[in-house]
Amino acid sequence: MRRWQWLPFFEAYFSNFIEGTEFGVDEARRIAVDGVPFAGRLEDGLDITATYRLAVNPADQVRVPTSGEELVRAHHSLQCSSSNNAGPAPSTGAPMTHRTRS
């Protein structure tokens, strides 16, 4: 892993960890960075991968959203696109939702 990839990786790792998604660091790196699916915990693997992609994307790091809502909707859309149980809220002003783990 290159040095510039570590900060986004740990951002994704701890962001998911505090939400209850627990993987070992090496396991999480293989899932998020290398794209190796984790058998039996596909949704958790997709969550950490999507969070890592958000954090490591250089285009997102320099893009300035026109509003906070634009930023949240863009990130929410990418995060939910990795899940089979949720989707982005419509752009009609409806409140955004996130799936809950069972």
N, C-alpha and C. Protein backbone atom coordinates (compact mmCIF):
# COMPACT_ATOMS: atom_id res chain seq x y z
N MET A 1 0.83 -1.18 0.00
CA MET A 1 0.00 0.00 0.00
C MET A 1 0.88 1.24 0.00
N ARG A 2 0.52 2.21 -0.79
CA ARG A 2 1.27 3.46 -0.81
C ARG A 2 0.89 4.31 0.40
N ARG A 3 1.80 5.17 0.76
CA ARG A 3 1.59 6.01 1.94
C ARG A 3 0.30 6.81 1.88
N TRP A 4 -0.03 7.38 0.71
CA TRP A 4 -1.22 8.22 0.58
C TRP A 4 -2.50 7.41 0.71
N GLN A 5 -2.43 6.09 0.64
CA GLN A 5 -3.62 5.26 0.77
C GLN A 5 -3.93 4.92 2.23
N TRP A 6 -2.96 5.05 3.12
CA TRP A 6 -3.19 4.65 4.51
C TRP A 6 -4.22 5.51 5.23
N LEU A 7 -4.13 6.84 5.10
CA LEU A 7 -5.07 7.71 5.80
C LEU A 7 -6.52 7.43 5.37
N PRO A 8 -6.81 7.38 4.07
CA PRO A 8 -8.19 7.03 3.69
C PRO A 8 -8.60 5.64 4.17
N PHE A 9 -7.65 4.71 4.16
CA PHE A 9 -7.99 3.36 4.62
C PHE A 9 -8.39 3.39 6.10
N PHE A 10 -7.58 4.04 6.93
CA PHE A 10 -7.91 4.07 8.35
C PHE A 10 -9.15 4.91 8.62
N GLU A 11 -9.41 5.91 7.81
CA GLU A 11 -10.66 6.66 7.93
C GLU A 11 -11.85 5.72 7.69
N ALA A 12 -11.75 4.91 6.65
CA ALA A 12 -12.82 3.95 6.35
C ALA A 12 -12.91 2.88 7.42
N TYR A 13 -11.76 2.40 7.85
CA TYR A 13 -11.72 1.33 8.85
C TYR A 13 -12.39 1.77 10.15
N PHE A 14 -11.98 2.91 10.69
CA PHE A 14 -12.53 3.35 11.97
C PHE A 14 -13.95 3.88 11.84
N SER A 15 -14.29 4.47 10.70
CA SER A 15 -15.65 4.92 10.48
C SER A 15 -16.61 3.74 10.55
N ASN A 16 -16.23 2.64 9.93
CA ASN A 16 -17.07 1.44 9.98
C ASN A 16 -16.99 0.75 11.33
N PHE A 17 -15.83 0.78 11.96
CA PHE A 17 -15.66 0.15 13.27
C PHE A 17 -16.59 0.76 14.31
N ILE A 18 -16.67 2.09 14.34
CA ILE A 18 -17.53 2.73 15.34
C ILE A 18 -19.01 2.48 15.08
N GLU A 19 -19.33 2.05 13.85
CA GLU A 19 -20.72 1.69 13.54
C GLU A 19 -20.98 0.20 13.77
N GLY A 20 -19.97 -0.51 14.25
CA GLY A 20 -20.16 -1.91 14.60
C GLY A 20 -19.61 -2.91 13.60
N THR A 21 -18.97 -2.44 12.52
CA THR A 21 -18.38 -3.34 11.54
C THR A 21 -16.95 -3.63 11.96
N GLU A 22 -16.71 -4.85 12.40
CA GLU A 22 -15.38 -5.19 12.91
C GLU A 22 -14.70 -6.21 12.01
N PHE A 23 -13.55 -5.82 11.51
CA PHE A 23 -12.65 -6.67 10.76
C PHE A 23 -11.26 -6.46 11.34
N GLY A 24 -10.39 -7.44 11.20
CA GLY A 24 -8.99 -7.22 11.51
C GLY A 24 -8.43 -6.24 10.48
N VAL A 25 -7.35 -5.53 10.81
CA VAL A 25 -6.80 -4.52 9.91
C VAL A 25 -6.39 -5.14 8.57
N ASP A 26 -5.67 -6.26 8.59
CA ASP A 26 -5.25 -6.90 7.34
C ASP A 26 -6.44 -7.36 6.51
N GLU A 27 -7.42 -7.92 7.19
CA GLU A 27 -8.65 -8.37 6.55
C GLU A 27 -9.36 -7.19 5.87
N ALA A 28 -9.49 -6.10 6.60
CA ALA A 28 -10.16 -4.91 6.09
C ALA A 28 -9.40 -4.31 4.91
N ARG A 29 -8.07 -4.33 4.97
CA ARG A 29 -7.27 -3.80 3.85
C ARG A 29 -7.51 -4.64 2.60
N ARG A 30 -7.53 -5.95 2.73
CA ARG A 30 -7.79 -6.81 1.57
C ARG A 30 -9.17 -6.53 0.98
N ILE A 31 -10.14 -6.29 1.83
CA ILE A 31 -11.50 -6.01 1.37
C ILE A 31 -11.58 -4.64 0.70
N ALA A 32 -11.16 -3.60 1.41
CA ALA A 32 -11.34 -2.23 0.94
C ALA A 32 -10.39 -1.85 -0.19
N VAL A 33 -9.13 -2.17 -0.03
CA VAL A 33 -8.11 -1.71 -0.99
C VAL A 33 -7.96 -2.68 -2.15
N ASP A 34 -7.88 -3.97 -1.83
CA ASP A 34 -7.65 -4.97 -2.87
C ASP A 34 -8.93 -5.46 -3.54
N GLY A 35 -10.08 -5.17 -2.92
CA GLY A 35 -11.36 -5.57 -3.50
C GLY A 35 -11.70 -7.04 -3.35
N VAL A 36 -11.09 -7.70 -2.37
CA VAL A 36 -11.36 -9.12 -2.12
C VAL A 36 -12.63 -9.23 -1.29
N PRO A 37 -13.69 -9.86 -1.82
CA PRO A 37 -14.92 -9.97 -1.03
C PRO A 37 -14.73 -10.87 0.19
N PHE A 38 -15.46 -10.57 1.23
CA PHE A 38 -15.37 -11.35 2.46
C PHE A 38 -16.59 -12.25 2.54
N ALA A 39 -16.37 -13.54 2.44
CA ALA A 39 -17.46 -14.51 2.45
C ALA A 39 -18.24 -14.44 3.76
N GLY A 40 -19.55 -14.44 3.64
CA GLY A 40 -20.41 -14.46 4.82
C GLY A 40 -20.75 -13.08 5.37
N ARG A 41 -19.99 -12.06 4.98
CA ARG A 41 -20.26 -10.69 5.47
C ARG A 41 -20.16 -9.71 4.31
N LEU A 42 -20.84 -10.04 3.23
CA LEU A 42 -20.76 -9.24 2.01
C LEU A 42 -21.15 -7.78 2.26
N GLU A 43 -22.26 -7.55 2.97
CA GLU A 43 -22.72 -6.17 3.22
C GLU A 43 -21.67 -5.36 3.99
N ASP A 44 -21.07 -5.97 5.02
CA ASP A 44 -20.04 -5.26 5.79
C ASP A 44 -18.84 -4.94 4.91
N GLY A 45 -18.46 -5.89 4.07
CA GLY A 45 -17.34 -5.67 3.16
C GLY A 45 -17.64 -4.56 2.17
N LEU A 46 -18.87 -4.53 1.66
CA LEU A 46 -19.26 -3.48 0.72
C LEU A 46 -19.26 -2.11 1.41
N ASP A 47 -19.68 -2.07 2.67
CA ASP A 47 -19.68 -0.80 3.42
C ASP A 47 -18.27 -0.23 3.55
N ILE A 48 -17.33 -1.05 3.97
CA ILE A 48 -15.97 -0.54 4.18
C ILE A 48 -15.32 -0.18 2.85
N THR A 49 -15.64 -0.93 1.79
CA THR A 49 -15.10 -0.62 0.47
C THR A 49 -15.63 0.72 -0.04
N ALA A 50 -16.94 0.95 0.10
CA ALA A 50 -17.52 2.21 -0.36
C ALA A 50 -16.97 3.39 0.43
N THR A 51 -16.81 3.22 1.74
CA THR A 51 -16.26 4.30 2.56
C THR A 51 -14.82 4.60 2.15
N TYR A 52 -14.05 3.57 1.88
CA TYR A 52 -12.66 3.77 1.43
C TYR A 52 -12.63 4.49 0.09
N ARG A 53 -13.49 4.09 -0.83
CA ARG A 53 -13.52 4.76 -2.15
C ARG A 53 -13.88 6.23 -2.03
N LEU A 54 -14.77 6.55 -1.11
CA LEU A 54 -15.09 7.96 -0.88
C LEU A 54 -13.88 8.73 -0.36
N ALA A 55 -13.17 8.13 0.56
CA ALA A 55 -12.05 8.81 1.21
C ALA A 55 -10.82 8.91 0.32
N VAL A 56 -10.62 7.97 -0.59
CA VAL A 56 -9.39 7.94 -1.38
C VAL A 56 -9.54 8.63 -2.74
N ASN A 57 -10.74 8.94 -3.15
CA ASN A 57 -10.98 9.52 -4.47
C ASN A 57 -10.47 10.95 -4.56
N PRO A 58 -9.42 11.20 -5.36
CA PRO A 58 -8.86 12.55 -5.44
C PRO A 58 -9.84 13.57 -6.00
N ALA A 59 -10.76 13.15 -6.87
CA ALA A 59 -11.75 14.08 -7.41
C ALA A 59 -12.65 14.62 -6.31
N ASP A 60 -13.01 13.76 -5.36
CA ASP A 60 -13.85 14.20 -4.24
C ASP A 60 -13.09 15.11 -3.29
N GLN A 61 -11.78 14.94 -3.22
CA GLN A 61 -10.98 15.75 -2.31
C GLN A 61 -10.85 17.19 -2.78
N VAL A 62 -10.97 17.44 -4.08
CA VAL A 62 -10.83 18.82 -4.59
C VAL A 62 -12.16 19.43 -5.01
N ARG A 63 -13.20 18.61 -5.11
CA ARG A 63 -14.51 19.11 -5.52
C ARG A 63 -15.13 19.91 -4.38
N VAL A 64 -15.66 21.06 -4.71
CA VAL A 64 -16.33 21.90 -3.72
C VAL A 64 -17.83 21.85 -4.01
N PRO A 65 -18.60 21.24 -3.14
CA PRO A 65 -20.04 21.16 -3.38
C PRO A 65 -20.69 22.53 -3.24
N THR A 66 -21.81 22.70 -3.91
CA THR A 66 -22.52 23.97 -3.82
C THR A 66 -23.32 24.08 -2.52
N SER A 67 -23.54 22.94 -1.88
CA SER A 67 -24.27 22.94 -0.60
C SER A 67 -23.89 21.69 0.19
N GLY A 68 -24.19 21.75 1.45
CA GLY A 68 -23.96 20.57 2.29
C GLY A 68 -24.83 19.41 1.85
N GLU A 69 -26.06 19.72 1.43
CA GLU A 69 -26.96 18.67 0.97
C GLU A 69 -26.39 17.96 -0.26
N GLU A 70 -25.79 18.72 -1.17
CA GLU A 70 -25.18 18.11 -2.36
C GLU A 70 -24.08 17.13 -1.96
N LEU A 71 -23.26 17.53 -1.03
CA LEU A 71 -22.18 16.67 -0.56
C LEU A 71 -22.72 15.40 0.09
N VAL A 72 -23.69 15.57 0.98
CA VAL A 72 -24.26 14.43 1.69
C VAL A 72 -24.96 13.49 0.71
N ARG A 73 -25.73 14.03 -0.22
CA ARG A 73 -26.43 13.18 -1.18
C ARG A 73 -25.45 12.41 -2.06
N ALA A 74 -24.37 13.05 -2.51
CA ALA A 74 -23.39 12.37 -3.35
C ALA A 74 -22.73 11.23 -2.59
N HIS A 75 -22.33 11.49 -1.36
CA HIS A 75 -21.69 10.45 -0.55
C HIS A 75 -22.68 9.36 -0.18
N HIS A 76 -23.89 9.76 0.16
CA HIS A 76 -24.93 8.79 0.53
C HIS A 76 -25.25 7.88 -0.66
N SER A 77 -25.31 8.47 -1.84
CA SER A 77 -25.60 7.70 -3.04
C SER A 77 -24.54 6.63 -3.28
N LEU A 78 -23.27 7.00 -3.18
CA LEU A 78 -22.19 6.03 -3.36
C LEU A 78 -22.23 4.97 -2.26
N GLN A 79 -22.43 5.39 -1.05
CA GLN A 79 -22.46 4.45 0.07
C GLN A 79 -23.60 3.44 -0.11
N CYS A 80 -24.76 3.92 -0.49
CA CYS A 80 -25.92 3.03 -0.64
C CYS A 80 -25.86 2.20 -1.91
N SER A 81 -25.11 2.65 -2.92
CA SER A 81 -25.02 1.88 -4.16
C SER A 81 -24.32 0.55 -3.92
N SER A 82 -23.58 0.45 -2.83
CA SER A 82 -22.88 -0.81 -2.53
C SER A 82 -23.76 -1.78 -1.77
N SER A 83 -24.93 -1.34 -1.36
CA SER A 83 -25.78 -2.17 -0.51
C SER A 83 -26.98 -2.71 -1.28
N ASN A 84 -27.38 -3.91 -0.95
CA ASN A 84 -28.59 -4.48 -1.54
C ASN A 84 -29.84 -4.03 -0.79
N ASN A 85 -29.66 -3.41 0.38
CA ASN A 85 -30.79 -3.10 1.25
C ASN A 85 -31.16 -1.63 1.31
N ALA A 86 -30.50 -0.79 0.56
CA ALA A 86 -30.80 0.63 0.64
C ALA A 86 -30.54 1.28 -0.69
N GLY A 87 -31.08 2.45 -0.83
CA GLY A 87 -30.83 3.23 -2.04
C GLY A 87 -30.81 4.68 -1.68
N PRO A 88 -30.26 5.49 -2.56
CA PRO A 88 -30.23 6.91 -2.27
C PRO A 88 -31.63 7.50 -2.23
N ALA A 89 -31.81 8.46 -1.38
CA ALA A 89 -33.10 9.14 -1.30
C ALA A 89 -33.33 9.89 -2.60
N PRO A 90 -34.58 9.98 -3.03
CA PRO A 90 -34.84 10.74 -4.26
C PRO A 90 -34.49 12.20 -4.07
N SER A 91 -34.21 12.87 -5.15
CA SER A 91 -33.81 14.27 -5.06
C SER A 91 -35.01 15.19 -4.94
N THR A 92 -36.07 14.73 -4.34
CA THR A 92 -37.28 15.52 -4.17
C THR A 92 -37.33 16.21 -2.82
N GLY A 93 -36.22 16.14 -2.09
CA GLY A 93 -36.20 16.74 -0.77
C GLY A 93 -36.61 15.75 0.32
N ALA A 94 -36.86 14.50 -0.06
CA ALA A 94 -37.23 13.48 0.93
C ALA A 94 -36.06 13.23 1.87
N PRO A 95 -36.35 12.90 3.12
CA PRO A 95 -35.26 12.62 4.04
C PRO A 95 -34.46 11.41 3.60
N MET A 96 -33.16 11.46 3.88
CA MET A 96 -32.30 10.34 3.52
C MET A 96 -32.42 9.26 4.58
N THR A 97 -32.31 8.01 4.16
CA THR A 97 -32.38 6.89 5.08
C THR A 97 -31.14 6.02 4.91
N HIS A 98 -30.87 5.22 5.89
CA HIS A 98 -29.76 4.27 5.82
C HIS A 98 -30.26 2.97 6.38
N ARG A 99 -29.83 1.89 5.79
CA ARG A 99 -30.29 0.59 6.26
C ARG A 99 -29.78 0.33 7.66
N THR A 100 -30.44 -0.51 8.36
CA THR A 100 -29.97 -0.92 9.68
C THR A 100 -29.54 -2.37 9.61
N ARG A 101 -28.57 -2.71 10.39
CA ARG A 101 -28.08 -4.09 10.41
C ARG A 101 -28.99 -4.94 11.28
N SER A 102 -29.23 -6.17 10.81
CA SER A 102 -30.05 -7.06 11.62
C SER A 102 -29.19 -8.01 12.39
